[in-house]
Amino acid sequence: MPIKILFIIVFLSILFSLGSALFHLVNNKGQEHSNKTAKALTYRIGISLVLFIALFVSYATGLIKPKGIGTKMHMKKPIQQENMKLEK
């Protein structure tokens, strides 16, 4: 559960960085705001990469497990294949 909270905090920081870039883009009053916009977007890209890598590593190590419709569909496939083998 703590890993999920960490992922939510990182995602919120991505949204904050995106909002900051939008603010500086709208209030464009010179080169300084342009640099701040570029810096905020650069931070957002970096944080997004870190989040993606962290999600991949945590899935690969088993810290998080997928839940939902796709997982249920994949669970049914082996059962259907076994039924087909038994029918033959």
Protein backbone atom coordinates (compact mmCIF):
# COMPACT_ATOMS: atom_id res chain seq x y z
CA MET A 1 0.00 0.00 0.00
CA PRO A 2 2.77 2.57 0.71
CA ILE A 3 4.12 2.10 -2.82
CA LYS A 4 0.75 3.11 -4.25
CA ILE A 5 0.73 6.25 -2.14
CA LEU A 6 4.21 7.07 -3.42
CA PHE A 7 3.02 6.63 -7.01
CA ILE A 8 0.06 8.94 -6.37
CA ILE A 9 2.35 11.61 -4.90
CA VAL A 10 4.69 11.38 -7.90
CA PHE A 11 1.72 11.61 -10.29
CA LEU A 12 0.44 14.69 -8.46
CA SER A 13 3.87 16.27 -8.76
CA ILE A 14 3.70 15.67 -12.52
CA LEU A 15 0.35 17.47 -12.62
CA PHE A 16 1.76 20.31 -10.52
CA SER A 17 4.70 20.71 -12.90
CA LEU A 18 2.34 20.74 -15.87
CA GLY A 19 0.17 23.38 -14.19
CA SER A 20 3.23 25.46 -13.43
CA ALA A 21 4.29 25.32 -17.07
CA LEU A 22 0.80 26.39 -18.12
CA PHE A 23 0.88 29.29 -15.70
CA HIS A 24 4.21 30.52 -17.02
CA LEU A 25 3.05 30.02 -20.60
CA VAL A 26 -0.10 32.11 -20.08
CA ASN A 27 1.77 34.85 -18.21
CA ASN A 28 4.38 35.15 -20.94
CA LYS A 29 6.07 38.48 -20.19
CA GLY A 30 9.52 37.85 -21.51
CA GLN A 31 12.40 35.43 -21.72
CA GLU A 32 12.29 34.62 -17.99
CA HIS A 33 8.81 33.07 -18.22
CA SER A 34 9.81 31.20 -21.36
CA ASN A 35 12.75 29.65 -19.51
CA LYS A 36 10.51 28.78 -16.55
CA THR A 37 8.02 27.10 -18.90
CA ALA A 38 10.76 25.02 -20.51
CA LYS A 39 12.22 24.10 -17.13
CA ALA A 40 8.82 23.01 -15.76
CA LEU A 41 8.17 20.85 -18.82
CA THR A 42 11.63 19.33 -18.53
CA TYR A 43 10.94 18.43 -14.90
CA ARG A 44 7.63 16.90 -15.93
CA ILE A 45 9.32 14.69 -18.51
CA GLY A 46 11.95 13.59 -16.00
CA ILE A 47 9.41 12.83 -13.30
CA SER A 48 7.28 10.91 -15.83
CA LEU A 49 10.26 8.76 -16.79
CA VAL A 50 11.02 8.06 -13.14
CA LEU A 51 7.39 7.09 -12.54
CA PHE A 52 7.35 4.78 -15.56
CA ILE A 53 10.58 3.06 -14.53
CA ALA A 54 9.38 2.73 -10.93
CA LEU A 55 6.08 1.19 -12.10
CA PHE A 56 7.92 -1.25 -14.34
CA VAL A 57 10.38 -2.29 -11.64
CA SER A 58 7.68 -2.65 -8.98
CA TYR A 59 5.58 -4.79 -11.35
CA ALA A 60 8.60 -6.93 -12.28
CA THR A 61 9.50 -7.50 -8.63
CA GLY A 62 5.91 -8.22 -7.63
CA LEU A 63 5.34 -5.19 -5.40
CA ILE A 64 2.22 -4.34 -7.39
CA LYS A 65 -0.13 -6.68 -9.21
CA PRO A 66 -2.57 -5.73 -11.93
CA LYS A 67 -6.27 -5.99 -11.13
CA GLY A 68 -9.20 -5.44 -13.42
CA ILE A 69 -10.92 -6.68 -16.54
CA GLY A 70 -7.75 -7.51 -18.47
CA THR A 71 -6.42 -9.67 -15.68
CA LYS A 72 -9.68 -11.59 -15.44
CA MET A 73 -9.65 -12.20 -19.19
CA HIS A 74 -6.11 -13.59 -19.06
CA MET A 75 -7.06 -15.89 -16.20
CA LYS A 76 -9.88 -17.41 -18.28
CA LYS A 77 -7.68 -18.24 -21.28
CA PRO A 78 -5.77 -21.15 -19.66
CA ILE A 79 -9.05 -22.61 -18.39
CA GLN A 80 -10.57 -22.40 -21.87
CA GLN A 81 -7.48 -24.02 -23.41
CA GLU A 82 -7.65 -26.87 -20.89
CA ASN A 83 -11.33 -27.41 -21.71
CA MET A 84 -10.50 -27.55 -25.40
CA LYS A 85 -7.78 -30.15 -24.77
CA LEU A 86 -10.17 -32.27 -22.71
CA GLU A 87 -12.81 -32.17 -25.46
CA LYS A 88 -10.35 -33.50 -28.06
